[in-house]
Structures are given as structure tokens and as C-alpha cells.
Amino acid sequence: MPEKNAIPVCILLGPTASGKTEIVEQLFIPGNFLCPVEIVSADSMQVYRGMDIGTAKPAPELRARIPHHLIDIRNPDEQFNAGDFVRLADEACAAIAARGALPVLSGGTGFYIRNFILGQSDAPPSVIPIREALREELLRRGVPPLMEELAACDPPSAARIHPNDTYRLLRALEVFRSSGRPLSSFKLPPPVSPRSCYRFLILGLTRPREELYRRIDRRCAAMFREGLPGEVERLFKAGYGPGDPGLSAIGYKEFFIEPHPGEYALSGDLIGVEALVARNSRRYAKRQFTYFASIPGLTWISATEEPRGQIRRALEFFLKA
């Protein structure tokens, strides 16, 4: 149960291109809502400076009208993990509540959101190169060899992870490869016990899968028209590359080719790069839906059925409770 003075927090999550920013812009503009609102970004890549187009950051005009937090706080070569996110999100929510505003945690990084709601385990933070290598192995080798590897190094985790749950499968292998210890040896948070310092309203924005994929394709095309190749080129000239945490993100890593071992260059095949970004984004959206299913207390809102009214009514009821 929430504590007596628990901070009310609304969480608005959804897969990439589901329409979260549009909802924020339409619903929370000052004067449109029953109380002031400040946004805490739950996007693992919007923390990086200079990565604006490829991460679909809210426009500066929107951020000037509605305060946003945890955007542009790291350089692309700096690590940022779930522990950093929870600590900074806690600080932001406390400060927002002290100003008499409602914190709205909005984004699509399910791992960050789940850790914020439930609290963290003491397992090591994600290591992006290992995570990406495992994803490539999954695509190349399939699930059975990876399940066999997990059964050999971490039998308890292998016993409780379903083969279809590729997120948890890869996470367990990532922990073992990065730390040398099985995930099952670390303390895990209670699976369905939200932290009592907050009172949560957890809403998810959803669309039919094919419609979502069309929106992703249109967004990718718009990013290229708006100058994504130039953004990547500026970052590359500034000394950043695919080995850095920021540029390992979808929308950036696809631009890089390796003409010689350890040497990187930018691809000249922008049509092929755009197709690859769109494909990887669709695959990421599918993984997001899978992971969101593990978040307790989530209520789905259809983005095609007047979501603003549904969210407004839910928030009005939540704030009066």
C-alpha cells in the first residue's frame, strides 16, 4: 500500500511511434489540464545530447511550454543505466511534487519504467555491447542454443524463463557474461509490489500492430527528410562511434559500416539504411509490447479511440482519490 504522503505519479508508456508525445502536447499544455504537469522522460536515448532527430525528442517549443526532465543530460560516450534513471527520476518527481505539479513519467523504455515502479535488483547494469551481441546471436542462431547456454550457466533462471520471453532470456545471459555470476544469484525485487513512496496511475498507449508499423515507417522516412543522416555525420565527426552507448541506438548504429576490422565509416546507401532503421524499429516495438506485459497495474488505452478523453477522465479520478 502507498504511504500516507505518497507522491502521485502518472506513467504514460507505449511502443515507439504510438503517439505519446502528441498526447502530452494536446492534454498537458498549461491551461488545458486541471493541474500543472511536468514530464519525466523514460527514454534511454533521449538522455544524450546531440541525438535529437533519431530519438524523436520533443520539440524545443513543447519543452518550453511543458517542463521536461532527463533529456540532454549525458554525452553519447557516457553510460546511462536503469540505476541512474531511477535515482534521477526519484529526484525529479520529488521536486515536481514540491512545486505542486503532477509528475508524468512518459516513454517507452520498459526496463527503466519497471525498475522505477517496483524498485531495483542488485544485478549489474546493462552492458550495451554485450546486449547487442546477444541480439545478433538470437537472430542468427535462434532461441534453442541460447536456452541451452542459460541452462548450463544459470539453471534456476532457465527453469523460470519461457523460451518465448526473449527479453528475459537475453537479460539473464547478459548478466552472466558481464559479471560471471548467474542472474538467479542476485536479489530481485518483488514482482508485483510497487514502491510505497508513490501512488501510481499506469496507462499504456496502444495501436493495432499493422497501423503501428505504418506509423514507424512514416516516422523513419520523416527523420531522414528532417536531416538524420546529417545528425549522425556531425556526431561521427565529433568523435563518437557505434561503440559508444548513445550511437549503439536504433536510428544511429545502422549508419555505420566496418570496411576494415576496428575501422568505422558511414554508409553511403541511405535508402538501405532507412529500410534497416525502419525494420529494427518495428522489431523493437514488438519487444516493447512483450516487456510491457510484465509491468503490474497497467491499463491499456486505445490510441485510435479518443485517448485524450480516456486519459483525462482516468487522471481526474486518480487525483481525487
Protein backbone atom coordinates (compact mmCIF):
# COMPACT_ATOMS: atom_id res chain seq x y z
CA MET A 1 0.00 0.00 0.00
CA PRO A 2 1.19 3.55 -0.69
CA GLU A 3 2.47 5.56 2.25
CA LYS A 4 0.32 8.35 3.69
CA ASN A 5 2.30 11.06 1.90
CA ALA A 6 3.00 9.06 -1.25
CA ILE A 7 3.65 11.17 -4.34
CA PRO A 8 1.05 10.66 -7.10
CA VAL A 9 2.76 9.78 -10.38
CA CYS A 10 1.13 9.11 -13.75
CA ILE A 11 3.07 6.81 -16.05
CA LEU A 12 2.28 7.05 -19.76
CA LEU A 13 4.06 4.33 -21.70
CA GLY A 14 3.81 2.86 -25.15
CA PRO A 15 5.88 1.49 -28.01
CA THR A 16 7.81 3.72 -30.34
CA ALA A 17 5.59 5.88 -32.60
CA SER A 18 2.44 5.09 -30.63
CA GLY A 19 1.67 8.79 -30.10
CA LYS A 20 2.84 9.57 -26.54
CA THR A 21 4.30 12.98 -27.40
CA GLU A 22 1.11 14.02 -29.18
CA ILE A 23 -0.91 13.14 -26.08
CA VAL A 24 1.43 15.16 -23.86
CA GLU A 25 1.20 18.13 -26.22
CA GLN A 26 -2.57 18.03 -26.54
CA LEU A 27 -3.50 17.21 -22.94
CA PHE A 28 -0.97 18.87 -20.66
CA ILE A 29 -0.43 22.32 -22.17
CA PRO A 30 -0.83 24.81 -19.28
CA GLY A 31 -4.45 25.86 -19.00
CA ASN A 32 -5.72 22.67 -20.68
CA PHE A 33 -5.47 20.45 -17.62
CA LEU A 34 -6.72 20.64 -14.06
CA CYS A 35 -3.24 21.00 -12.54
CA PRO A 36 0.31 21.83 -13.64
CA VAL A 37 2.18 18.90 -15.18
CA GLU A 38 5.90 18.23 -15.66
CA ILE A 39 7.23 15.38 -17.79
CA VAL A 40 9.94 12.95 -16.74
CA SER A 41 11.31 11.28 -19.86
CA ALA A 42 11.56 7.49 -19.62
CA ASP A 43 13.55 7.11 -22.83
CA SER A 44 17.02 5.62 -22.54
CA MET A 45 18.36 7.53 -25.57
CA GLN A 46 16.80 10.97 -25.15
CA VAL A 47 19.28 11.49 -22.31
CA TYR A 48 22.04 12.00 -24.92
CA ARG A 49 22.97 15.43 -26.23
CA GLY A 50 23.10 15.95 -29.97
CA MET A 51 20.84 12.98 -30.68
CA ASP A 52 17.63 14.84 -31.41
CA ILE A 53 16.12 13.60 -34.67
CA GLY A 54 16.86 9.90 -34.26
CA THR A 55 15.45 9.77 -30.73
CA ALA A 56 12.33 11.79 -31.62
CA LYS A 57 12.90 14.24 -28.79
CA PRO A 58 10.02 16.59 -28.02
CA ALA A 59 10.41 19.85 -29.90
CA PRO A 60 12.08 22.72 -28.02
CA GLU A 61 8.82 24.68 -28.27
CA LEU A 62 6.95 21.94 -26.42
CA ARG A 63 9.67 21.63 -23.81
CA ALA A 64 9.48 25.40 -23.26
CA ARG A 65 5.73 25.16 -22.57
CA ILE A 66 5.77 21.95 -20.52
CA PRO A 67 8.85 21.32 -18.36
CA HIS A 68 10.68 18.10 -19.32
CA HIS A 69 13.31 16.30 -17.26
CA LEU A 70 16.07 13.71 -18.04
CA ILE A 71 16.65 14.97 -21.58
CA ASP A 72 20.10 16.09 -22.80
CA ILE A 73 21.93 15.13 -19.60
CA ARG A 74 24.71 12.89 -21.00
CA ASN A 75 27.19 12.90 -23.87
CA PRO A 76 26.86 9.99 -26.32
CA ASP A 77 30.00 8.29 -24.96
CA GLU A 78 28.74 8.23 -21.35
CA GLN A 79 26.95 5.28 -19.81
CA PHE A 80 23.41 5.71 -18.51
CA ASN A 81 21.64 2.76 -16.89
CA ALA A 82 18.48 1.89 -15.01
CA GLY A 83 20.08 2.77 -11.68
CA ASP A 84 20.91 6.25 -12.94
CA PHE A 85 17.39 6.61 -14.27
CA VAL A 86 15.63 5.59 -11.05
CA ARG A 87 17.82 7.86 -8.93
CA LEU A 88 17.30 10.91 -11.17
CA ALA A 89 13.61 10.19 -11.72
CA ASP A 90 13.13 9.98 -7.93
CA GLU A 91 14.80 13.38 -7.55
CA ALA A 92 12.73 14.88 -10.36
CA CYS A 93 9.40 13.54 -9.05
CA ALA A 94 10.09 14.84 -5.53
CA ALA A 95 10.96 18.30 -6.86
CA ILE A 96 7.94 18.37 -9.19
CA ALA A 97 5.57 17.40 -6.37
CA ALA A 98 7.11 20.05 -4.10
CA ARG A 99 6.21 22.64 -6.77
CA GLY A 100 2.59 21.50 -6.64
CA ALA A 101 2.69 19.84 -10.06
CA LEU A 102 1.94 16.31 -11.20
CA PRO A 103 4.90 14.19 -12.37
CA VAL A 104 4.08 12.33 -15.60
CA LEU A 105 6.67 9.69 -16.46
CA SER A 106 6.42 9.23 -20.23
CA GLY A 107 8.41 6.97 -22.51
CA GLY A 108 8.97 3.55 -23.96
CA THR A 109 11.98 2.09 -22.13
CA GLY A 110 10.13 -0.62 -20.26
CA PHE A 111 13.12 -1.77 -18.21
CA TYR A 112 13.57 1.71 -16.75
CA ILE A 113 9.84 2.10 -16.06
CA ARG A 114 9.52 -1.29 -14.37
CA ASN A 115 12.53 -0.58 -12.15
CA PHE A 116 11.04 2.78 -11.21
CA ILE A 117 7.73 1.18 -10.24
CA LEU A 118 9.00 -1.90 -8.42
CA GLY A 119 12.47 -0.94 -7.27
CA GLN A 120 15.75 -2.36 -8.45
CA SER A 121 17.52 -5.63 -8.06
CA ASP A 122 21.21 -5.64 -7.22
CA ALA A 123 22.03 -7.23 -10.58
CA PRO A 124 24.63 -5.33 -12.63
CA PRO A 125 23.51 -2.66 -15.10
CA SER A 126 23.06 -3.45 -18.74
CA VAL A 127 26.20 -3.56 -20.89
CA ILE A 128 25.17 -2.35 -24.33
CA PRO A 129 27.82 -4.15 -26.45
CA ILE A 130 27.02 -7.48 -24.77
CA ARG A 131 23.28 -6.87 -25.16
CA GLU A 132 23.65 -6.07 -28.85
CA ALA A 133 25.89 -9.11 -29.44
CA LEU A 134 23.25 -11.33 -27.84
CA ARG A 135 20.51 -9.86 -30.04
CA GLU A 136 22.59 -10.63 -33.10
CA GLU A 137 23.15 -14.18 -31.84
CA LEU A 138 19.42 -14.59 -31.31
CA LEU A 139 18.70 -13.56 -34.90
CA ARG A 140 21.47 -15.76 -36.28
CA ARG A 141 21.18 -18.87 -34.10
CA GLY A 142 17.64 -18.80 -32.73
CA VAL A 143 16.34 -19.45 -29.23
CA PRO A 144 17.31 -23.12 -28.51
CA PRO A 145 21.12 -22.65 -28.37
CA LEU A 146 20.74 -19.63 -26.10
CA MET A 147 18.36 -21.53 -23.80
CA GLU A 148 20.92 -24.34 -23.64
CA GLU A 149 23.63 -21.85 -22.69
CA LEU A 150 21.41 -20.40 -19.96
CA ALA A 151 20.54 -23.85 -18.62
CA ALA A 152 24.27 -24.58 -18.29
CA CYS A 153 25.24 -21.34 -16.55
CA ASP A 154 22.06 -20.45 -14.65
CA PRO A 155 19.64 -23.41 -14.22
CA PRO A 156 17.17 -21.57 -11.90
CA SER A 157 16.71 -18.74 -14.43
CA ALA A 158 16.39 -21.21 -17.31
CA ALA A 159 13.65 -23.03 -15.39
CA ARG A 160 11.53 -19.92 -14.90
CA ILE A 161 12.08 -18.13 -18.23
CA HIS A 162 9.79 -19.20 -21.06
CA PRO A 163 11.59 -19.62 -24.42
CA ASN A 164 9.24 -17.05 -25.96
CA ASP A 165 10.32 -14.45 -23.40
CA THR A 166 13.43 -13.42 -25.30
CA TYR A 167 13.88 -10.21 -23.30
CA ARG A 168 14.42 -12.08 -20.03
CA LEU A 169 16.45 -14.78 -21.78
CA LEU A 170 18.89 -12.23 -23.19
CA ARG A 171 18.99 -10.28 -19.92
CA ALA A 172 19.93 -13.41 -17.94
CA LEU A 173 22.71 -14.26 -20.41
CA GLU A 174 23.88 -10.65 -20.43
CA VAL A 175 24.23 -10.64 -16.63
CA PHE A 176 26.23 -13.87 -16.67
CA ARG A 177 28.52 -12.76 -19.48
CA SER A 178 29.15 -9.35 -17.92
CA SER A 179 29.55 -10.40 -14.27
CA GLY A 180 30.42 -14.10 -14.31
CA ARG A 181 27.51 -14.67 -11.90
CA PRO A 182 24.08 -16.12 -12.70
CA LEU A 183 21.14 -13.73 -12.55
CA SER A 184 19.49 -16.02 -10.02
CA SER A 185 22.27 -15.26 -7.52
CA PHE A 186 21.23 -11.60 -7.33
CA LYS A 187 18.46 -10.20 -5.17
CA LEU A 188 15.43 -9.42 -7.30
CA PRO A 189 12.63 -7.01 -6.39
CA PRO A 190 9.12 -8.31 -5.61
CA PRO A 191 7.44 -8.95 -8.98
CA VAL A 192 4.16 -7.15 -8.27
CA SER A 193 4.82 -4.78 -5.35
CA PRO A 194 5.04 -1.13 -6.40
CA ARG A 195 7.18 1.11 -4.23
CA SER A 196 5.12 2.60 -1.42
CA CYS A 197 6.64 6.09 -1.74
CA TYR A 198 4.48 6.60 -4.84
CA ARG A 199 0.84 6.25 -5.81
CA PHE A 200 0.75 5.16 -9.44
CA LEU A 201 -1.61 5.51 -12.36
CA ILE A 202 -0.07 3.41 -15.14
CA LEU A 203 -1.50 3.90 -18.63
CA GLY A 204 -0.28 2.34 -21.86
CA LEU A 205 -0.99 3.71 -25.32
CA THR A 206 -1.63 1.01 -27.89
CA ARG A 207 -2.49 0.72 -31.57
CA PRO A 208 -3.22 -2.21 -33.90
CA ARG A 209 0.09 -3.76 -34.85
CA GLU A 210 -0.09 -3.05 -38.60
CA GLU A 211 -1.11 0.56 -38.01
CA LEU A 212 1.79 0.97 -35.58
CA TYR A 213 4.22 -0.44 -38.14
CA ARG A 214 2.94 2.01 -40.76
CA ARG A 215 3.48 4.87 -38.31
CA ILE A 216 7.01 3.64 -37.62
CA ASP A 217 7.78 3.56 -41.35
CA ARG A 218 6.41 7.09 -41.79
CA ARG A 219 8.37 8.33 -38.80
CA CYS A 220 11.61 6.86 -40.15
CA ALA A 221 11.02 8.50 -43.53
CA ALA A 222 10.33 11.82 -41.81
CA MET A 223 13.53 11.55 -39.76
CA PHE A 224 15.58 11.16 -42.92
CA ARG A 225 13.83 14.14 -44.52
CA GLU A 226 14.47 16.21 -41.38
CA GLY A 227 18.21 15.54 -41.52
CA LEU A 228 19.01 12.36 -39.58
CA PRO A 229 21.98 11.49 -41.86
CA GLY A 230 23.48 14.91 -41.18
CA GLU A 231 22.94 14.50 -37.44
CA VAL A 232 24.81 11.17 -37.47
CA GLU A 233 27.60 12.67 -39.58
CA ARG A 234 28.05 15.54 -37.09
CA LEU A 235 28.27 13.10 -34.20
CA PHE A 236 30.77 10.92 -36.09
CA LYS A 237 32.94 13.95 -36.90
CA ALA A 238 32.80 14.92 -33.23
CA GLY A 239 34.49 11.61 -32.40
CA TYR A 240 31.54 9.42 -31.47
CA GLY A 241 31.01 5.99 -32.99
CA PRO A 242 28.98 2.78 -32.76
CA GLY A 243 30.96 1.62 -29.74
CA ASP A 244 29.59 4.49 -27.68
CA PRO A 245 26.40 3.92 -25.66
CA GLY A 246 24.44 6.61 -27.49
CA LEU A 247 25.30 5.63 -31.04
CA SER A 248 24.50 1.98 -30.42
CA ALA A 249 20.84 3.02 -30.53
CA ILE A 250 18.43 2.14 -33.31
CA GLY A 251 18.47 5.02 -35.76
CA TYR A 252 22.21 5.54 -35.39
CA LYS A 253 24.04 2.21 -35.42
CA GLU A 254 22.58 1.34 -38.84
CA PHE A 255 24.60 4.13 -40.48
CA PHE A 256 27.94 2.55 -39.66
CA ILE A 257 29.92 0.11 -41.75
CA GLU A 258 33.24 -1.52 -40.92
CA PRO A 259 35.41 -1.54 -44.07
CA HIS A 260 38.34 -2.85 -42.03
CA PRO A 261 38.38 -4.53 -38.60
CA GLY A 262 38.11 -1.84 -35.95
CA GLU A 263 37.61 0.94 -38.51
CA TYR A 264 34.22 2.54 -38.99
CA ALA A 265 32.77 4.68 -41.74
CA LEU A 266 29.34 5.98 -42.65
CA SER A 267 27.33 4.09 -45.25
CA GLY A 268 26.53 5.87 -48.47
CA ASP A 269 23.47 3.69 -49.06
CA LEU A 270 20.91 5.91 -47.35
CA ILE A 271 17.96 4.03 -48.87
CA GLY A 272 19.27 0.79 -47.40
CA VAL A 273 20.00 2.46 -44.06
CA GLU A 274 16.48 3.87 -43.86
CA ALA A 275 14.99 0.44 -44.57
CA LEU A 276 17.18 -1.08 -41.86
CA VAL A 277 16.22 1.59 -39.30
CA ALA A 278 12.53 1.00 -40.04
CA ARG A 279 12.91 -2.79 -39.76
CA ASN A 280 14.81 -2.58 -36.48
CA SER A 281 12.30 -0.08 -35.11
CA ARG A 282 9.41 -2.44 -35.89
CA ARG A 283 11.24 -5.29 -34.17
CA TYR A 284 11.92 -3.06 -31.17
CA ALA A 285 8.21 -2.17 -30.92
CA LYS A 286 7.38 -5.87 -30.80
CA ARG A 287 9.88 -6.37 -27.96
CA GLN A 288 8.40 -3.38 -26.14
CA PHE A 289 4.92 -4.92 -26.15
CA THR A 290 6.37 -8.15 -24.75
CA TYR A 291 8.16 -6.34 -21.94
CA PHE A 292 5.27 -4.03 -21.06
CA ALA A 293 3.24 -7.16 -20.24
CA SER A 294 5.50 -7.60 -17.18
CA ILE A 295 4.52 -4.22 -15.70
CA PRO A 296 1.87 -4.63 -12.97
CA GLY A 297 -1.19 -2.40 -12.81
CA LEU A 298 -1.00 -1.34 -16.46
CA THR A 299 -4.23 -0.20 -18.15
CA TRP A 300 -4.15 -0.05 -21.93
CA ILE A 301 -5.69 2.93 -23.74
CA SER A 302 -6.51 2.69 -27.45
CA ALA A 303 -4.79 5.50 -29.34
CA THR A 304 -7.47 5.25 -32.04
CA GLU A 305 -10.47 5.80 -29.71
CA GLU A 306 -10.19 9.38 -28.39
CA PRO A 307 -7.36 8.64 -25.95
CA ARG A 308 -7.22 12.19 -24.58
CA GLY A 309 -10.69 11.90 -23.08
CA GLN A 310 -9.96 8.50 -21.59
CA ILE A 311 -6.68 9.65 -20.07
CA ARG A 312 -8.19 12.89 -18.76
CA ARG A 313 -11.01 11.02 -17.02
CA ALA A 314 -8.61 8.47 -15.53
CA LEU A 315 -6.36 11.24 -14.22
CA GLU A 316 -9.27 13.22 -12.75
CA PHE A 317 -10.44 10.13 -10.86
CA PHE A 318 -6.85 9.32 -9.80
CA LEU A 319 -6.14 12.80 -8.44
CA LYS A 320 -9.40 12.92 -6.47
CA ALA A 321 -8.81 9.51 -4.85
